[in-house]
Amino acid sequence: MYACIHTTGARTANQLFELALEFSPVIEQASNNTVVFPIAALRKLIGSPHQIASEICRLGYERAIDANLAIASDPDTAILLATNTHGVTLVMPGNEATVLAPLPVVCLFAHDSRLDPRTLDVLHRWGVKTCHDLAALPECGVAERLGMDGVRLRNLACGAIKRPLRIFAPEPAYEHRMNLEHPIELLEPLLFLLGSVLRDLCGRLASAGRAARIVEGEFELEGRKTYRCELEFPVPLDDSATILKLLQLHLERHPPEAPITAFSLRFEAAEPKRFQRGLFFPPAPAPDKLQVTLARIATLVGEHNVGTPVLLNTHRPDAFELRTFNPPAAPAVDAVQRTAGEPEIIVTIRLFRPALPARVTLSESAPRRVVARSITGNVLRTGGPWKTSGEWWTSTCWSREEWDVALDDGALYRIYRDAQTHDWYVHGVYD
């Protein structure tokens, strides 16, 4: 049996929640002004459902709460009756359909927002106006015409949906603080203590099926100074050894200025990222090992030189920036079917980075000979010029004149002339 309290006055959710806590620690917050809780365990303490309803009404009256109360054998029936009827409604098991019969069908759609509102128009065209009309329809016919939404609607009208309560569980705080008896100057003893704290926090994460997306560390130093660090992972982690290694690499790059007297670690939890690899794709390294490798590379070349290149929203050639690496999901299988016999032409270009400086001989403003490192030849055919320019208002402005040239060495190249310096470059070679 379940009891539902629905207030129509200006009462807050906390007041209803506190009233429900007087009878059960398990509470579903159906809305800001509706709570549901089980009362089966109260029969030995208070008595029959009538006595339980009387006790709920007594406490509600003492707290000046103007509300409706409904008691039924399932949560949905209790919510429907409490939100659509006045006063106290008590439904004994087996009488749910009879008590719900007078309610209009639109109440079911207000109760469950996942239902398609277009189904209500269909029911009105059928002449179905009340829960009694809907419950009288055969279940097989409703399923054939309205699908599973129709079956759920009919079960709601009959009071035949049995489900557990949807209990709101606040996110626990994954945080631990440790005060040290003596200041620590060396990294090795600090890592030993950090490892023990991380094992405890990761164990709590694993028990909740969560992983760490961000790790925040706060270290209290001698002289009342504070050192803070924050590590954000592209892939949420729950392995303490991996997180400890990443913390170690960060502390080696950015060591504290004084001995540490206390520290605290806090995790920001997230759903773990699960990978489904295809059978015909090459194996990839584990996300945690890849992050440790990237952290080691960042120690050598600098944090700003490691990441994933992302193209910028500009026409400037080779304009990109490095962002935090995020492993992509497994590529989907291409379902596009090409027509049999249809020719497929793919032209690729291999760019030289940096572009190769070149000496270009012109004839009638067109290239006739190109000389660059390991590239020498006369021009047989040309395409162009294509002139591009932009961002003249910034320090990254560019203006160039591009040509495609076929040399007598058998290769096709992309060359360009910088309009500002009048220098020529070989940008790439076509395959």
Protein backbone atom coordinates (compact mmCIF):
# COMPACT_ATOMS: atom_id res chain seq x y z
CA MET A 1 0.00 0.00 0.00
CA TYR A 2 1.15 3.53 -0.81
CA ALA A 3 0.05 6.93 0.44
CA CYS A 4 0.18 10.07 -1.73
CA ILE A 5 -0.08 13.62 -0.39
CA HIS A 6 -0.87 16.37 -2.88
CA THR A 7 -1.16 19.94 -1.68
CA THR A 8 -3.16 22.63 -3.40
CA GLY A 9 -1.98 25.43 -1.13
CA ALA A 10 1.18 27.50 -1.07
CA ARG A 11 3.25 24.82 0.66
CA THR A 12 6.80 24.10 -0.35
CA ALA A 13 8.22 20.73 -1.30
CA ASN A 14 10.31 20.65 1.89
CA GLN A 15 7.21 20.85 4.11
CA LEU A 16 5.56 17.93 2.32
CA PHE A 17 8.80 15.99 2.42
CA GLU A 18 9.15 16.55 6.17
CA LEU A 19 5.57 15.38 6.73
CA ALA A 20 6.22 12.22 4.69
CA LEU A 21 9.43 11.57 6.66
CA GLU A 22 7.30 11.17 9.79
CA PHE A 23 5.94 7.94 8.30
CA SER A 24 8.63 6.54 5.97
CA PRO A 25 12.27 7.15 5.03
CA VAL A 26 11.53 6.00 1.46
CA ILE A 27 9.84 8.83 -0.42
CA GLU A 28 9.21 9.60 -4.08
CA GLN A 29 8.97 13.28 -4.98
CA ALA A 30 6.45 13.04 -7.84
CA SER A 31 6.31 16.84 -8.22
CA ASN A 32 6.92 19.98 -6.20
CA ASN A 33 3.57 19.52 -4.43
CA THR A 34 3.20 15.71 -4.47
CA VAL A 35 4.97 12.99 -2.46
CA VAL A 36 4.40 9.22 -2.33
CA PHE A 37 5.62 6.76 0.31
CA PRO A 38 4.90 3.14 1.35
CA ILE A 39 2.77 2.43 4.42
CA ALA A 40 2.85 -1.38 4.58
CA ALA A 41 5.32 -1.34 7.49
CA LEU A 42 3.05 1.03 9.45
CA ARG A 43 0.29 -1.55 9.92
CA LYS A 44 2.10 -3.08 12.91
CA LEU A 45 2.79 0.36 14.43
CA ILE A 46 -0.41 2.28 13.72
CA GLY A 47 -3.02 -0.19 12.49
CA SER A 48 -5.32 -0.48 9.50
CA PRO A 49 -5.13 1.80 6.41
CA HIS A 50 -8.02 3.83 7.85
CA GLN A 51 -6.05 4.47 11.03
CA ILE A 52 -2.92 5.32 9.03
CA ALA A 53 -4.89 7.83 6.94
CA SER A 54 -6.31 9.34 10.13
CA GLU A 55 -2.82 9.76 11.61
CA ILE A 56 -1.49 11.40 8.41
CA CYS A 57 -4.43 13.81 8.43
CA ARG A 58 -3.83 14.64 12.09
CA LEU A 59 -0.18 15.58 11.56
CA GLY A 60 -1.07 17.52 8.42
CA TYR A 61 -3.72 19.48 10.31
CA GLU A 62 -1.26 20.30 13.10
CA ARG A 63 1.16 21.70 10.50
CA ALA A 64 -1.62 23.66 8.73
CA ILE A 65 -1.12 21.78 5.46
CA ASP A 66 -4.14 21.87 3.16
CA ALA A 67 -3.74 18.75 1.01
CA ASN A 68 -5.43 15.74 -0.57
CA LEU A 69 -4.58 12.22 0.61
CA ALA A 70 -4.99 9.00 -1.35
CA ILE A 71 -4.04 5.46 -0.32
CA ALA A 72 -3.88 2.70 -2.93
CA SER A 73 -2.04 -0.52 -3.71
CA ASP A 74 0.25 1.09 -6.34
CA PRO A 75 1.96 4.50 -6.58
CA ASP A 76 0.38 5.62 -9.88
CA THR A 77 -3.18 5.05 -8.66
CA ALA A 78 -2.44 6.93 -5.45
CA ILE A 79 -0.98 9.87 -7.39
CA LEU A 80 -3.90 9.99 -9.85
CA LEU A 81 -6.47 10.02 -7.06
CA ALA A 82 -4.63 12.53 -4.86
CA THR A 83 -4.15 15.00 -7.71
CA ASN A 84 -7.65 14.71 -9.17
CA THR A 85 -9.94 14.20 -6.14
CA HIS A 86 -10.53 16.23 -2.99
CA GLY A 87 -10.13 15.11 0.57
CA VAL A 88 -9.17 11.59 1.62
CA THR A 89 -9.53 8.65 -0.80
CA LEU A 90 -8.91 5.09 0.36
CA VAL A 91 -8.83 2.30 -2.25
CA MET A 92 -8.76 -1.32 -1.17
CA PRO A 93 -6.83 -3.78 -3.38
CA GLY A 94 -8.95 -4.90 -6.34
CA ASN A 95 -11.13 -1.76 -6.48
CA GLU A 96 -8.65 0.47 -8.37
CA ALA A 97 -10.50 0.42 -11.71
CA THR A 98 -13.82 1.22 -10.05
CA VAL A 99 -12.47 4.25 -8.18
CA LEU A 100 -10.52 5.53 -11.22
CA ALA A 101 -13.48 5.09 -13.60
CA PRO A 102 -14.95 8.64 -13.32
CA LEU A 103 -11.63 10.40 -14.00
CA PRO A 104 -11.29 11.98 -17.47
CA VAL A 105 -8.71 10.46 -19.81
CA VAL A 106 -6.77 13.72 -19.98
CA CYS A 107 -5.69 13.14 -16.35
CA LEU A 108 -3.61 10.18 -17.51
CA PHE A 109 -1.66 12.38 -19.94
CA ALA A 110 -1.08 15.00 -17.25
CA HIS A 111 0.22 12.22 -14.99
CA ASP A 112 2.71 10.76 -17.49
CA SER A 113 4.48 13.33 -19.69
CA ARG A 114 6.13 10.56 -21.76
CA LEU A 115 2.80 9.74 -23.44
CA ASP A 116 2.23 11.12 -26.93
CA PRO A 117 -0.42 13.89 -26.73
CA ARG A 118 -1.64 12.95 -30.23
CA THR A 119 -2.98 9.73 -28.72
CA LEU A 120 -5.48 11.83 -26.77
CA ASP A 121 -6.98 13.12 -30.05
CA VAL A 122 -7.33 9.54 -31.27
CA LEU A 123 -9.17 8.55 -28.06
CA HIS A 124 -11.51 11.52 -28.36
CA ARG A 125 -12.37 10.51 -31.94
CA TRP A 126 -13.18 7.04 -30.62
CA GLY A 127 -15.52 8.58 -28.05
CA VAL A 128 -13.32 7.61 -25.09
CA LYS A 129 -13.71 10.30 -22.44
CA THR A 130 -13.22 8.63 -19.07
CA CYS A 131 -10.98 5.97 -17.56
CA HIS A 132 -14.01 3.66 -17.49
CA ASP A 133 -14.36 3.97 -21.29
CA LEU A 134 -10.66 3.24 -21.80
CA ALA A 135 -10.59 0.29 -19.37
CA ALA A 136 -13.56 -1.26 -21.20
CA LEU A 137 -11.58 -1.55 -24.46
CA PRO A 138 -9.91 -4.91 -25.20
CA GLU A 139 -6.19 -4.87 -24.50
CA CYS A 140 -5.27 -6.63 -27.77
CA GLY A 141 -7.17 -4.10 -29.86
CA VAL A 142 -5.58 -1.17 -28.03
CA ALA A 143 -2.12 -2.67 -28.55
CA GLU A 144 -2.75 -3.19 -32.29
CA ARG A 145 -3.88 0.40 -32.84
CA LEU A 146 -1.92 2.45 -30.29
CA GLY A 147 1.10 0.29 -29.52
CA MET A 148 2.75 0.12 -26.11
CA ASP A 149 1.66 3.68 -25.21
CA GLY A 150 -1.94 2.56 -25.56
CA VAL A 151 -1.35 -0.48 -23.36
CA ARG A 152 0.27 1.69 -20.69
CA LEU A 153 -2.67 4.12 -20.84
CA ARG A 154 -5.16 1.30 -20.39
CA ASN A 155 -3.19 -0.16 -17.47
CA LEU A 156 -3.14 3.27 -15.82
CA ALA A 157 -6.93 3.52 -16.21
CA CYS A 158 -7.31 0.06 -14.64
CA GLY A 159 -4.84 0.73 -11.81
CA ALA A 160 -2.82 -2.27 -12.96
CA ILE A 161 0.71 -0.79 -13.12
CA LYS A 162 2.97 -2.17 -10.41
CA ARG A 163 6.29 -0.39 -10.09
CA PRO A 164 8.78 0.50 -7.36
CA LEU A 165 9.10 4.04 -6.09
CA ARG A 166 11.47 6.36 -7.88
CA ILE A 167 13.65 7.39 -4.98
CA PHE A 168 15.76 10.49 -5.42
CA ALA A 169 19.28 9.79 -4.21
CA PRO A 170 21.54 12.86 -3.97
CA GLU A 171 25.02 12.54 -5.40
CA PRO A 172 27.39 11.61 -2.56
CA ALA A 173 30.42 13.78 -1.92
CA TYR A 174 33.64 12.06 -2.97
CA GLU A 175 36.04 14.04 -0.80
CA HIS A 176 38.70 13.22 1.76
CA ARG A 177 40.91 15.41 3.92
CA MET A 178 44.09 14.41 5.76
CA ASN A 179 45.98 16.46 8.34
CA LEU A 180 49.68 15.59 8.64
CA GLU A 181 51.57 15.32 11.91
CA HIS A 182 54.78 16.60 10.30
CA PRO A 183 55.27 18.72 7.16
CA ILE A 184 56.21 16.75 4.05
CA GLU A 185 58.88 18.14 1.73
CA LEU A 186 59.54 15.16 -0.55
CA LEU A 187 57.21 13.89 -3.25
CA GLU A 188 57.60 10.17 -2.51
CA PRO A 189 56.05 10.12 1.00
CA LEU A 190 53.31 12.46 -0.25
CA LEU A 191 52.48 10.02 -3.06
CA PHE A 192 52.19 7.20 -0.52
CA LEU A 193 49.51 9.13 1.38
CA LEU A 194 47.78 10.27 -1.80
CA GLY A 195 47.64 6.65 -2.98
CA SER A 196 45.82 5.49 0.15
CA VAL A 197 43.27 8.30 -0.15
CA LEU A 198 42.75 7.66 -3.87
CA ARG A 199 42.16 3.94 -3.29
CA ASP A 200 39.41 4.77 -0.80
CA LEU A 201 37.76 7.34 -3.10
CA CYS A 202 37.97 5.10 -6.17
CA GLY A 203 36.45 2.24 -4.19
CA ARG A 204 33.49 4.44 -3.34
CA LEU A 205 33.20 5.44 -6.99
CA ALA A 206 33.25 1.83 -8.16
CA SER A 207 30.58 0.80 -5.64
CA ALA A 208 28.28 3.47 -7.09
CA GLY A 209 29.10 2.64 -10.71
CA ARG A 210 30.68 6.07 -11.25
CA ALA A 211 34.03 7.43 -12.40
CA ALA A 212 36.02 10.61 -11.79
CA ARG A 213 35.83 13.32 -14.43
CA ILE A 214 37.70 16.00 -12.46
CA VAL A 215 40.11 15.64 -9.53
CA GLU A 216 40.66 18.71 -7.38
CA GLY A 217 43.51 18.83 -4.90
CA GLU A 218 44.08 21.44 -2.22
CA PHE A 219 47.36 21.40 -0.30
CA GLU A 220 47.97 23.53 2.78
CA LEU A 221 51.58 24.71 2.98
CA GLU A 222 53.73 26.11 5.74
CA GLY A 223 53.29 29.83 6.18
CA ARG A 224 49.49 29.56 5.71
CA LYS A 225 49.81 29.27 1.98
CA THR A 226 47.57 27.13 -0.23
CA TYR A 227 48.43 25.20 -3.38
CA ARG A 228 45.57 24.04 -5.61
CA CYS A 229 45.55 21.83 -8.66
CA GLU A 230 42.82 20.47 -10.91
CA LEU A 231 43.02 17.59 -13.38
CA GLU A 232 40.25 17.11 -15.93
CA PHE A 233 40.20 13.78 -17.76
CA PRO A 234 38.93 13.36 -21.33
CA VAL A 235 37.65 9.93 -20.27
CA PRO A 236 36.29 9.47 -16.70
CA LEU A 237 38.62 7.24 -14.65
CA ASP A 238 38.07 4.97 -11.66
CA ASP A 239 41.57 3.45 -11.38
CA SER A 240 43.49 4.86 -8.42
CA ALA A 241 46.91 3.92 -9.83
CA THR A 242 46.27 5.88 -13.03
CA ILE A 243 44.97 8.95 -11.20
CA LEU A 244 47.95 8.79 -8.80
CA LYS A 245 50.37 8.71 -11.74
CA LEU A 246 48.69 11.72 -13.35
CA LEU A 247 48.87 13.60 -10.03
CA GLN A 248 52.54 12.70 -9.73
CA LEU A 249 53.33 14.03 -13.20
CA HIS A 250 51.43 17.23 -12.45
CA LEU A 251 53.24 17.79 -9.14
CA GLU A 252 56.58 17.14 -10.82
CA ARG A 253 55.83 19.81 -13.41
CA HIS A 254 54.36 22.27 -10.88
CA PRO A 255 55.85 21.52 -7.43
CA PRO A 256 54.51 23.35 -4.33
CA GLU A 257 56.55 26.24 -2.96
CA ALA A 258 56.72 25.00 0.65
CA PRO A 259 56.31 21.80 2.74
CA ILE A 260 52.78 20.38 2.92
CA THR A 261 50.97 20.25 6.25
CA ALA A 262 47.53 19.00 5.08
CA PHE A 263 45.73 18.13 1.88
CA SER A 264 42.27 17.26 0.60
CA LEU A 265 41.14 15.53 -2.60
CA ARG A 266 37.73 15.85 -4.22
CA PHE A 267 36.26 13.96 -7.18
CA GLU A 268 33.60 15.24 -9.54
CA ALA A 269 31.77 12.08 -10.51
CA ALA A 270 30.39 11.21 -13.95
CA GLU A 271 29.10 8.21 -15.83
CA PRO A 272 31.96 5.94 -16.93
CA LYS A 273 32.58 5.88 -20.66
CA ARG A 274 32.08 2.44 -22.12
CA PHE A 275 33.67 1.45 -25.42
CA GLN A 276 32.34 -1.09 -27.87
CA ARG A 277 35.06 -1.93 -30.36
CA GLY A 278 34.31 -3.42 -33.74
CA LEU A 279 35.73 -6.76 -34.80
CA PHE A 280 37.31 -5.29 -37.93
CA PHE A 281 38.96 -2.21 -36.39
CA PRO A 282 42.55 -2.12 -35.11
CA PRO A 283 42.97 -2.36 -31.32
CA ALA A 284 43.43 0.92 -29.47
CA PRO A 285 45.22 1.54 -26.15
CA ALA A 286 43.20 1.64 -22.95
CA PRO A 287 41.97 5.17 -22.14
CA ASP A 288 43.72 5.31 -18.75
CA LYS A 289 47.09 4.21 -20.17
CA LEU A 290 46.71 6.67 -23.03
CA GLN A 291 46.16 9.55 -20.59
CA VAL A 292 49.29 8.64 -18.63
CA THR A 293 51.27 8.56 -21.88
CA LEU A 294 49.92 11.97 -22.91
CA ALA A 295 50.80 13.39 -19.47
CA ARG A 296 54.38 12.13 -19.82
CA ILE A 297 54.66 13.66 -23.29
CA ALA A 298 53.29 16.96 -21.92
CA THR A 299 56.05 16.91 -19.31
CA LEU A 300 58.64 16.79 -22.09
CA VAL A 301 57.19 19.16 -24.70
CA GLY A 302 54.84 21.35 -22.62
CA GLU A 303 51.12 21.18 -21.86
CA HIS A 304 50.20 23.53 -24.71
CA ASN A 305 51.86 21.29 -27.31
CA VAL A 306 49.79 18.15 -26.63
CA GLY A 307 46.21 17.59 -27.69
CA THR A 308 43.92 17.07 -30.65
CA PRO A 309 44.20 19.54 -33.56
CA VAL A 310 40.82 21.12 -34.30
CA LEU A 311 40.17 23.28 -37.35
CA LEU A 312 39.18 26.86 -36.65
CA ASN A 313 36.14 28.55 -38.17
CA THR A 314 38.12 30.50 -40.74
CA HIS A 315 39.33 30.25 -44.34
CA ARG A 316 42.95 30.82 -43.29
CA PRO A 317 45.04 27.88 -44.55
CA ASP A 318 46.11 25.37 -41.89
CA ALA A 319 44.34 27.30 -39.11
CA PHE A 320 43.92 25.03 -36.09
CA GLU A 321 44.27 24.87 -32.33
CA LEU A 322 45.08 22.11 -29.87
CA ARG A 323 42.31 20.96 -27.53
CA THR A 324 42.11 18.27 -24.88
CA PHE A 325 42.27 14.83 -26.45
CA ASN A 326 38.97 12.95 -26.37
CA PRO A 327 39.04 9.42 -27.84
CA PRO A 328 36.38 9.11 -30.54
CA ALA A 329 33.79 6.36 -30.49
CA ALA A 330 34.10 3.40 -32.82
CA PRO A 331 33.16 4.53 -36.36
CA ALA A 332 29.86 3.31 -37.63
CA VAL A 333 29.70 1.03 -40.63
CA ASP A 334 28.97 2.96 -43.80
CA ALA A 335 25.52 1.88 -44.91
CA VAL A 336 25.59 3.82 -48.21
CA GLN A 337 25.32 1.45 -51.16
CA ARG A 338 27.11 2.62 -54.29
CA THR A 339 25.75 1.80 -57.69
CA ALA A 340 27.53 -1.11 -59.34
CA GLY A 341 30.02 0.10 -61.93
CA GLU A 342 29.91 3.71 -60.74
CA PRO A 343 33.40 5.21 -61.02
CA GLU A 344 34.94 6.50 -57.81
CA ILE A 345 37.56 9.23 -58.11
CA ILE A 346 39.43 10.28 -54.99
CA VAL A 347 42.18 12.90 -55.16
CA THR A 348 44.35 13.46 -52.13
CA ILE A 349 47.14 15.90 -51.47
CA ARG A 350 50.11 15.44 -49.18
CA LEU A 351 50.99 18.78 -47.62
CA PHE A 352 54.50 19.85 -46.73
CA ARG A 353 54.68 21.29 -43.22
CA PRO A 354 56.29 23.73 -43.31
CA ALA A 355 55.85 24.57 -46.98
CA LEU A 356 59.01 24.20 -49.09
CA PRO A 357 60.58 27.50 -50.20
CA ALA A 358 60.86 27.54 -54.00
CA ARG A 359 62.22 29.57 -56.92
CA VAL A 360 59.62 29.92 -59.65
CA THR A 361 60.30 31.25 -63.14
CA LEU A 362 57.35 33.06 -64.72
CA SER A 363 56.30 33.49 -68.32
CA GLU A 364 53.36 35.75 -69.07
CA SER A 365 52.52 35.82 -65.32
CA ALA A 366 52.26 32.00 -65.20
CA PRO A 367 54.78 29.55 -63.65
CA ARG A 368 57.13 27.90 -66.16
CA ARG A 369 59.81 26.31 -63.96
CA VAL A 370 59.85 25.28 -60.31
CA VAL A 371 62.95 24.62 -58.24
CA ALA A 372 62.70 23.54 -54.59
CA ARG A 373 64.30 21.03 -52.26
CA SER A 374 64.21 17.64 -54.04
CA ILE A 375 61.79 19.14 -56.60
CA THR A 376 62.99 20.43 -60.00
CA GLY A 377 61.13 20.54 -63.28
CA ASN A 378 59.52 22.47 -66.07
CA VAL A 379 55.82 23.20 -65.98
CA LEU A 380 53.79 21.28 -68.56
CA ARG A 381 50.28 22.36 -67.52
CA THR A 382 48.91 24.87 -65.02
CA GLY A 383 45.66 25.52 -63.21
CA GLY A 384 44.88 28.83 -61.53
CA PRO A 385 45.55 31.27 -60.17
CA TRP A 386 43.23 31.14 -57.14
CA LYS A 387 43.61 34.21 -54.96
CA THR A 388 42.60 34.09 -51.30
CA SER A 389 42.97 36.58 -48.48
CA GLY A 390 41.40 37.41 -45.16
CA GLU A 391 41.69 38.50 -41.53
CA TRP A 392 43.30 41.75 -42.63
CA TRP A 393 42.29 43.28 -39.27
CA THR A 394 44.40 40.85 -37.22
CA SER A 395 48.02 39.78 -36.94
CA THR A 396 47.19 36.52 -38.72
CA CYS A 397 46.17 38.16 -42.01
CA TRP A 398 47.08 36.31 -45.18
CA SER A 399 46.98 36.88 -48.94
CA ARG A 400 48.18 34.28 -51.40
CA GLU A 401 47.98 33.22 -55.04
CA GLU A 402 47.73 29.45 -55.55
CA TRP A 403 48.52 27.35 -58.65
CA ASP A 404 48.32 23.66 -59.53
CA VAL A 405 51.24 22.75 -61.76
CA ALA A 406 52.15 19.51 -63.54
CA LEU A 407 55.93 19.19 -63.92
CA ASP A 408 57.89 17.09 -66.37
CA ASP A 409 58.98 14.83 -63.48
CA GLY A 410 55.49 13.25 -63.61
CA ALA A 411 54.06 14.80 -60.43
CA LEU A 412 51.29 17.33 -59.78
CA TYR A 413 52.05 20.00 -57.16
CA ARG A 414 50.22 22.81 -55.38
CA ILE A 415 52.35 25.98 -55.22
CA TYR A 416 51.53 29.47 -54.02
CA ARG A 417 52.98 32.97 -53.84
CA ASP A 418 52.70 35.05 -50.69
CA ALA A 419 51.29 38.40 -51.83
CA GLN A 420 52.91 40.23 -48.90
CA THR A 421 56.48 38.92 -49.20
CA HIS A 422 56.30 37.81 -52.90
CA ASP A 423 57.97 34.51 -51.93
CA TRP A 424 57.02 31.21 -53.60
CA TYR A 425 56.37 27.93 -51.78
CA VAL A 426 55.50 24.33 -52.68
CA HIS A 427 52.49 23.56 -50.50
CA GLY A 428 51.93 19.87 -51.35
CA VAL A 429 51.94 17.08 -53.90
CA TYR A 430 48.89 15.25 -55.23
CA ASP A 431 48.78 11.46 -55.06
